[in-house]
Amino acid sequence: MMDEIDRDILRLLAGDARMSVAVMARKMKVARSTLQARLERLENSGVIAGYTLKLGEAARAGRIRASVLLTIEPRSQAAILSRLRAVAEVERIHTTSGRVDLLLEVAAPTTKALDAVLDRIGEIDGVKSSESLIHLTTKLDRAL
């Protein structure tokens, strides 16, 4: 179970994964050893799986991003996922509940390249229908 201190640690790391333990301890008004022990527990329990880079809008410039909603044939998910993993422009794949079966996050350098990727996805055996939502600007990103 995570408590408020654990959630504060995650919030600080989400804002700056390079923040030192000493700085985090000062901001949270806890002992450095307490914070270090909490971090180790969060890492060992799998809550923190690693530390990574979060790209800003400047790095994403020049990439057209889209969410793609897929409806698929029953019992075709494994084969479709296998084919989608081979498409480099597919960054994330989520299963969903509701009217669609899969939600893809896709990025390509141009609209022409994105169009070609969407065509490739639509041609995969078992894909019944797709709907694409082009991302314009990101107004809020709190993802951890």
Protein backbone atom coordinates (compact mmCIF):
# COMPACT_ATOMS: atom_id res chain seq x y z
CA MET A 1 0.00 0.00 0.00
CA MET A 2 1.17 3.49 -0.85
CA ASP A 3 0.70 6.36 1.54
CA GLU A 4 0.85 10.13 1.01
CA ILE A 5 4.65 10.21 1.28
CA ASP A 6 4.93 7.62 -1.49
CA ARG A 7 2.54 9.58 -3.68
CA ASP A 8 4.53 12.79 -3.04
CA ILE A 9 7.72 10.99 -4.09
CA LEU A 10 6.05 9.89 -7.34
CA ARG A 11 4.74 13.41 -8.00
CA LEU A 12 8.20 14.92 -7.54
CA LEU A 13 9.84 12.31 -9.75
CA ALA A 14 7.16 12.79 -12.41
CA GLY A 15 8.12 16.46 -12.55
CA ASP A 16 11.88 15.81 -12.53
CA ALA A 17 13.19 12.23 -12.53
CA ARG A 18 16.74 13.58 -12.09
CA MET A 19 15.96 15.26 -8.76
CA SER A 20 18.45 14.18 -6.11
CA VAL A 21 17.40 12.35 -2.99
CA ALA A 22 18.71 15.24 -0.87
CA VAL A 23 16.61 17.81 -2.74
CA MET A 24 13.51 15.62 -2.59
CA ALA A 25 13.98 15.07 1.15
CA ARG A 26 14.26 18.84 1.72
CA LYS A 27 11.15 19.57 -0.37
CA MET A 28 9.18 16.89 1.49
CA LYS A 29 10.65 17.79 4.90
CA VAL A 30 11.69 14.20 5.65
CA ALA A 31 15.06 12.69 6.48
CA ARG A 32 17.24 11.73 3.53
CA SER A 33 17.53 8.18 4.88
CA THR A 34 13.73 7.92 5.10
CA LEU A 35 13.35 9.06 1.52
CA GLN A 36 16.08 6.69 0.32
CA ALA A 37 14.39 3.75 2.07
CA ARG A 38 11.03 4.70 0.53
CA LEU A 39 12.56 4.91 -2.96
CA GLU A 40 14.18 1.50 -2.57
CA ARG A 41 10.87 0.00 -1.39
CA LEU A 42 9.00 1.56 -4.33
CA GLU A 43 11.63 0.22 -6.74
CA ASN A 44 11.74 -3.28 -5.20
CA SER A 45 7.94 -3.57 -5.17
CA GLY A 46 7.71 -2.61 -8.85
CA VAL A 47 5.84 0.66 -8.27
CA ILE A 48 8.84 2.43 -9.78
CA ALA A 49 9.91 0.38 -12.79
CA GLY A 50 12.65 2.76 -13.90
CA TYR A 51 13.59 6.34 -14.57
CA THR A 52 13.12 7.70 -18.04
CA LEU A 53 13.09 10.72 -20.25
CA LYS A 54 9.83 12.57 -20.93
CA LEU A 55 9.92 14.45 -24.23
CA GLY A 56 8.56 17.97 -24.37
CA GLU A 57 6.64 19.63 -27.17
CA ALA A 58 9.86 20.87 -28.81
CA ALA A 59 11.10 17.29 -29.24
CA ARG A 60 7.73 16.18 -30.55
CA ALA A 61 7.62 18.93 -33.15
CA GLY A 62 7.79 17.49 -36.61
CA ARG A 63 5.87 14.37 -35.59
CA ILE A 64 2.20 13.91 -36.37
CA ARG A 65 0.55 12.01 -33.54
CA ALA A 66 -2.77 10.19 -33.58
CA SER A 67 -4.96 7.92 -31.50
CA VAL A 68 -6.39 5.07 -33.53
CA LEU A 69 -9.50 3.23 -32.36
CA LEU A 70 -9.76 -0.33 -33.67
CA THR A 71 -12.67 -2.72 -33.73
CA ILE A 72 -11.46 -6.26 -34.36
CA GLU A 73 -12.87 -9.68 -35.15
CA PRO A 74 -13.46 -11.99 -32.17
CA ARG A 75 -10.45 -14.15 -31.25
CA SER A 76 -8.11 -12.23 -33.56
CA GLN A 77 -6.43 -10.08 -30.93
CA ALA A 78 -3.20 -12.12 -30.55
CA ALA A 79 -2.49 -12.12 -34.30
CA ILE A 80 -3.34 -8.43 -34.64
CA LEU A 81 -1.12 -7.47 -31.69
CA SER A 82 1.74 -9.41 -33.25
CA ARG A 83 1.37 -7.50 -36.52
CA LEU A 84 0.99 -4.13 -34.75
CA ARG A 85 4.18 -4.67 -32.74
CA ALA A 86 6.05 -4.84 -36.05
CA VAL A 87 4.85 -1.35 -37.07
CA ALA A 88 7.51 1.05 -35.74
CA GLU A 89 5.14 4.04 -35.74
CA VAL A 90 2.84 2.33 -33.21
CA GLU A 91 4.09 3.60 -29.86
CA ARG A 92 1.49 2.18 -27.48
CA ILE A 93 -1.36 -0.31 -27.63
CA HIS A 94 -4.16 -0.38 -25.06
CA THR A 95 -7.07 -2.78 -24.76
CA THR A 96 -10.32 -1.01 -23.97
CA SER A 97 -13.85 -1.59 -22.81
CA GLY A 98 -16.69 -0.08 -24.77
CA ARG A 99 -17.38 0.24 -28.46
CA VAL A 100 -13.77 -0.31 -29.62
CA ASP A 101 -11.34 -3.11 -28.79
CA LEU A 102 -7.91 -1.48 -29.08
CA LEU A 103 -6.57 2.06 -28.71
CA LEU A 104 -3.29 2.73 -30.49
CA GLU A 105 -0.98 5.70 -30.06
CA VAL A 106 0.81 6.35 -33.35
CA ALA A 107 3.39 8.92 -34.50
CA ALA A 108 4.81 9.64 -37.95
CA PRO A 109 6.99 12.41 -39.41
CA THR A 110 4.46 13.62 -42.02
CA THR A 111 0.77 13.36 -42.81
CA LYS A 112 1.66 11.27 -45.85
CA ALA A 113 3.61 8.81 -43.67
CA LEU A 114 0.79 8.75 -41.11
CA ASP A 115 -1.71 8.03 -43.88
CA ALA A 116 0.43 5.09 -45.04
CA VAL A 117 0.64 3.72 -41.48
CA LEU A 118 -3.12 4.00 -41.05
CA ASP A 119 -3.60 2.14 -44.34
CA ARG A 120 -1.25 -0.65 -43.17
CA ILE A 121 -3.13 -0.95 -39.88
CA GLY A 122 -6.50 -1.03 -41.64
CA GLU A 123 -5.31 -3.84 -43.94
CA ILE A 124 -4.38 -6.21 -41.08
CA ASP A 125 -6.51 -9.36 -41.16
CA GLY A 126 -9.10 -9.22 -38.41
CA VAL A 127 -9.38 -5.42 -38.23
CA LYS A 128 -13.06 -4.65 -38.81
CA SER A 129 -12.91 -0.86 -38.57
CA SER A 130 -10.69 1.99 -37.46
CA GLU A 131 -11.14 5.61 -36.51
CA SER A 132 -8.23 8.06 -36.28
CA LEU A 133 -8.02 11.10 -34.04
CA ILE A 134 -5.15 13.44 -34.95
CA HIS A 135 -3.51 15.16 -31.95
CA LEU A 136 -3.20 18.92 -32.40
CA THR A 137 -1.71 20.30 -29.16
CA THR A 138 -1.26 18.89 -25.69
CA LYS A 139 -3.01 21.09 -23.14
CA LEU A 140 -2.25 18.93 -20.08
CA ASP A 141 0.04 15.96 -19.46
CA ARG A 142 0.15 14.55 -15.95
CA ALA A 143 1.07 11.03 -17.00
CA LEU A 144 3.62 9.32 -14.81
